[in-house]
Amino acid sequence: RYVREEGGAQRYIVINVDGVEEKLLWLYWFDGSDDIQADPSFYLNKEVYVEYVNLDMFDGISRSYVPVKLLISILGNE
């Protein structure tokens, strides 16, 4: 279930999976991003299908690599 979008310089999509919130990094254009930009509430509280890849991204503050989920696609369950 799509919960919200958050972040500033780094944007995230937050989804709820079985009662646990998951943050997916919005790094670049993906299938479904145009819908969210046009209307931020487009997927709000709706079941969605997401595709993502796990990767390690360098964090300049901690000077270490941290695991992130990079968003590739988000589609409504219609």
N, C-alpha and C. Protein backbone atom coordinates (compact mmCIF):
# COMPACT_ATOMS: atom_id res chain seq x y z
N ARG A 1 0.85 -1.17 0.00
CA ARG A 1 0.00 0.00 0.00
C ARG A 1 0.90 1.23 0.00
N TYR A 2 0.60 2.17 -0.91
CA TYR A 2 1.36 3.41 -1.02
C TYR A 2 1.00 4.31 0.16
N VAL A 3 2.00 4.78 0.90
CA VAL A 3 1.77 5.58 2.10
C VAL A 3 2.04 7.06 1.83
N ARG A 4 3.27 7.36 1.32
CA ARG A 4 3.61 8.77 1.11
C ARG A 4 4.92 8.89 0.32
N GLU A 5 5.20 10.12 -0.04
CA GLU A 5 6.48 10.49 -0.62
C GLU A 5 7.17 11.35 0.42
N GLU A 6 8.49 11.20 0.58
CA GLU A 6 9.20 12.02 1.55
C GLU A 6 10.60 12.32 1.06
N GLY A 7 11.23 13.26 1.73
CA GLY A 7 12.61 13.59 1.43
C GLY A 7 12.75 14.98 0.84
N GLY A 8 13.95 15.39 0.69
CA GLY A 8 14.28 16.69 0.11
C GLY A 8 15.15 16.46 -1.11
N ALA A 9 16.47 16.56 -0.91
CA ALA A 9 17.40 16.32 -2.01
C ALA A 9 17.32 14.86 -2.47
N GLN A 10 17.12 13.95 -1.54
CA GLN A 10 16.88 12.56 -1.89
C GLN A 10 15.42 12.25 -1.61
N ARG A 11 14.71 11.83 -2.64
CA ARG A 11 13.29 11.55 -2.48
C ARG A 11 13.06 10.06 -2.34
N TYR A 12 12.07 9.73 -1.53
CA TYR A 12 11.71 8.35 -1.28
C TYR A 12 10.21 8.16 -1.46
N ILE A 13 9.83 6.97 -1.84
CA ILE A 13 8.44 6.53 -1.83
C ILE A 13 8.34 5.57 -0.66
N VAL A 14 7.34 5.74 0.18
CA VAL A 14 7.15 4.87 1.34
C VAL A 14 5.92 4.01 1.08
N ILE A 15 6.11 2.70 1.20
CA ILE A 15 5.00 1.77 1.05
C ILE A 15 4.88 0.95 2.32
N ASN A 16 3.70 0.39 2.55
CA ASN A 16 3.44 -0.45 3.71
C ASN A 16 3.30 -1.88 3.21
N VAL A 17 4.18 -2.75 3.70
CA VAL A 17 4.15 -4.17 3.32
C VAL A 17 3.91 -4.99 4.58
N ASP A 18 2.72 -5.52 4.69
CA ASP A 18 2.36 -6.35 5.85
C ASP A 18 2.62 -5.64 7.18
N GLY A 19 2.25 -4.35 7.24
CA GLY A 19 2.37 -3.58 8.47
C GLY A 19 3.74 -2.96 8.70
N VAL A 20 4.68 -3.16 7.78
CA VAL A 20 6.02 -2.61 7.91
C VAL A 20 6.26 -1.60 6.79
N GLU A 21 6.74 -0.40 7.15
CA GLU A 21 7.01 0.62 6.14
C GLU A 21 8.36 0.38 5.49
N GLU A 22 8.37 0.43 4.16
CA GLU A 22 9.58 0.26 3.37
C GLU A 22 9.83 1.55 2.60
N LYS A 23 11.09 2.02 2.60
CA LYS A 23 11.45 3.23 1.86
C LYS A 23 12.17 2.82 0.58
N LEU A 24 11.70 3.35 -0.55
CA LEU A 24 12.30 3.07 -1.85
C LEU A 24 12.86 4.37 -2.40
N LEU A 25 14.12 4.38 -2.79
CA LEU A 25 14.79 5.57 -3.26
C LEU A 25 14.31 5.95 -4.66
N TRP A 26 13.91 7.21 -4.84
CA TRP A 26 13.49 7.76 -6.12
C TRP A 26 14.69 8.54 -6.65
N LEU A 27 15.52 7.88 -7.44
CA LEU A 27 16.76 8.47 -7.92
C LEU A 27 16.61 9.10 -9.29
N TYR A 28 15.75 8.53 -10.13
CA TYR A 28 15.54 9.03 -11.49
C TYR A 28 14.15 8.61 -11.95
N TRP A 29 13.80 8.99 -13.19
CA TRP A 29 12.49 8.67 -13.74
C TRP A 29 12.24 7.18 -13.68
N PHE A 30 11.00 6.79 -13.38
CA PHE A 30 10.59 5.38 -13.39
C PHE A 30 9.15 5.31 -13.86
N ASP A 31 8.70 4.14 -14.27
CA ASP A 31 7.30 3.95 -14.66
C ASP A 31 6.41 4.30 -13.48
N GLY A 32 5.55 5.29 -13.65
CA GLY A 32 4.64 5.72 -12.59
C GLY A 32 5.04 7.04 -11.96
N SER A 33 6.26 7.51 -12.21
CA SER A 33 6.68 8.76 -11.58
C SER A 33 5.94 9.97 -12.12
N ASP A 34 5.56 9.93 -13.40
CA ASP A 34 4.80 11.05 -13.97
C ASP A 34 3.46 11.22 -13.27
N ASP A 35 2.82 10.10 -12.92
CA ASP A 35 1.52 10.16 -12.22
C ASP A 35 1.68 10.80 -10.84
N ILE A 36 2.74 10.46 -10.14
CA ILE A 36 2.97 11.01 -8.80
C ILE A 36 3.31 12.49 -8.87
N GLN A 37 4.12 12.88 -9.87
CA GLN A 37 4.46 14.29 -10.00
C GLN A 37 3.25 15.13 -10.37
N ALA A 38 2.37 14.60 -11.20
CA ALA A 38 1.17 15.34 -11.60
C ALA A 38 0.19 15.49 -10.44
N ASP A 39 0.05 14.44 -9.63
CA ASP A 39 -0.85 14.45 -8.49
C ASP A 39 -0.26 13.59 -7.38
N PRO A 40 0.38 14.20 -6.36
CA PRO A 40 1.03 13.42 -5.31
C PRO A 40 0.11 12.42 -4.59
N SER A 41 -1.18 12.62 -4.65
CA SER A 41 -2.11 11.69 -3.99
C SER A 41 -2.63 10.61 -4.95
N PHE A 42 -2.05 10.50 -6.13
CA PHE A 42 -2.54 9.56 -7.16
C PHE A 42 -2.63 8.12 -6.63
N TYR A 43 -1.62 7.64 -5.93
CA TYR A 43 -1.60 6.27 -5.41
C TYR A 43 -1.89 6.21 -3.91
N LEU A 44 -2.15 7.32 -3.28
CA LEU A 44 -2.29 7.38 -1.83
C LEU A 44 -3.29 6.36 -1.30
N ASN A 45 -2.83 5.54 -0.35
CA ASN A 45 -3.63 4.49 0.30
C ASN A 45 -4.18 3.45 -0.66
N LYS A 46 -3.51 3.25 -1.79
CA LYS A 46 -3.92 2.23 -2.76
C LYS A 46 -2.88 1.12 -2.80
N GLU A 47 -3.35 -0.07 -3.11
CA GLU A 47 -2.44 -1.19 -3.31
C GLU A 47 -1.65 -0.92 -4.58
N VAL A 48 -0.34 -1.13 -4.54
CA VAL A 48 0.52 -0.91 -5.69
C VAL A 48 1.48 -2.08 -5.86
N TYR A 49 1.92 -2.25 -7.09
CA TYR A 49 2.99 -3.18 -7.41
C TYR A 49 4.24 -2.35 -7.62
N VAL A 50 5.34 -2.73 -7.00
CA VAL A 50 6.59 -2.00 -7.19
C VAL A 50 7.69 -2.96 -7.63
N GLU A 51 8.59 -2.41 -8.42
CA GLU A 51 9.81 -3.12 -8.78
C GLU A 51 10.97 -2.28 -8.27
N TYR A 52 11.96 -2.94 -7.71
CA TYR A 52 13.13 -2.23 -7.21
C TYR A 52 14.33 -3.15 -7.28
N VAL A 53 15.51 -2.55 -7.15
CA VAL A 53 16.74 -3.32 -7.06
C VAL A 53 17.44 -2.94 -5.76
N ASN A 54 18.05 -3.91 -5.14
CA ASN A 54 18.86 -3.67 -3.94
C ASN A 54 20.26 -3.29 -4.39
N LEU A 55 20.79 -2.23 -3.80
CA LEU A 55 22.17 -1.86 -4.09
C LEU A 55 22.78 -1.17 -2.89
N ASP A 56 24.08 -1.10 -2.89
CA ASP A 56 24.81 -0.40 -1.83
C ASP A 56 25.21 0.97 -2.36
N MET A 57 24.84 2.00 -1.64
CA MET A 57 25.10 3.38 -2.06
C MET A 57 26.02 4.03 -1.03
N PHE A 58 27.00 4.78 -1.51
CA PHE A 58 27.95 5.42 -0.60
C PHE A 58 27.29 6.58 0.12
N ASP A 59 27.43 6.63 1.44
CA ASP A 59 26.92 7.72 2.26
C ASP A 59 28.11 8.57 2.69
N GLY A 60 28.16 9.80 2.19
CA GLY A 60 29.28 10.68 2.48
C GLY A 60 29.40 11.09 3.93
N ILE A 61 28.29 11.07 4.66
CA ILE A 61 28.34 11.47 6.07
C ILE A 61 28.99 10.38 6.92
N SER A 62 28.54 9.15 6.76
CA SER A 62 29.11 8.05 7.54
C SER A 62 30.35 7.46 6.87
N ARG A 63 30.60 7.85 5.63
CA ARG A 63 31.73 7.36 4.84
C ARG A 63 31.73 5.83 4.74
N SER A 64 30.53 5.30 4.50
CA SER A 64 30.39 3.86 4.33
C SER A 64 29.27 3.60 3.32
N TYR A 65 29.19 2.38 2.87
CA TYR A 65 28.13 2.00 1.95
C TYR A 65 26.92 1.53 2.75
N VAL A 66 25.75 1.99 2.34
CA VAL A 66 24.51 1.59 3.01
C VAL A 66 23.58 0.93 2.00
N PRO A 67 22.86 -0.09 2.41
CA PRO A 67 21.93 -0.75 1.48
C PRO A 67 20.70 0.14 1.24
N VAL A 68 20.30 0.25 -0.02
CA VAL A 68 19.08 0.98 -0.39
C VAL A 68 18.29 0.15 -1.39
N LYS A 69 17.01 0.47 -1.47
CA LYS A 69 16.13 -0.14 -2.47
C LYS A 69 15.84 0.95 -3.50
N LEU A 70 16.33 0.77 -4.71
CA LEU A 70 16.19 1.74 -5.78
C LEU A 70 14.93 1.45 -6.59
N LEU A 71 14.01 2.39 -6.61
CA LEU A 71 12.72 2.21 -7.28
C LEU A 71 12.88 2.19 -8.78
N ILE A 72 12.28 1.20 -9.43
CA ILE A 72 12.32 1.06 -10.88
C ILE A 72 10.93 1.29 -11.47
N SER A 73 9.89 0.88 -10.76
CA SER A 73 8.54 0.96 -11.31
C SER A 73 7.51 0.92 -10.18
N ILE A 74 6.42 1.66 -10.37
CA ILE A 74 5.28 1.57 -9.45
C ILE A 74 4.02 1.62 -10.29
N LEU A 75 3.16 0.65 -10.09
CA LEU A 75 1.92 0.55 -10.86
C LEU A 75 0.77 0.28 -9.92
N GLY A 76 -0.36 0.88 -10.21
CA GLY A 76 -1.55 0.66 -9.39
C GLY A 76 -2.13 -0.72 -9.61
N ASN A 77 -2.78 -1.23 -8.61
CA ASN A 77 -3.45 -2.54 -8.68
C ASN A 77 -4.88 -2.29 -9.14
N GLU A 78 -5.09 -2.36 -10.43
CA GLU A 78 -6.42 -2.01 -10.98
C GLU A 78 -7.15 -3.24 -11.47
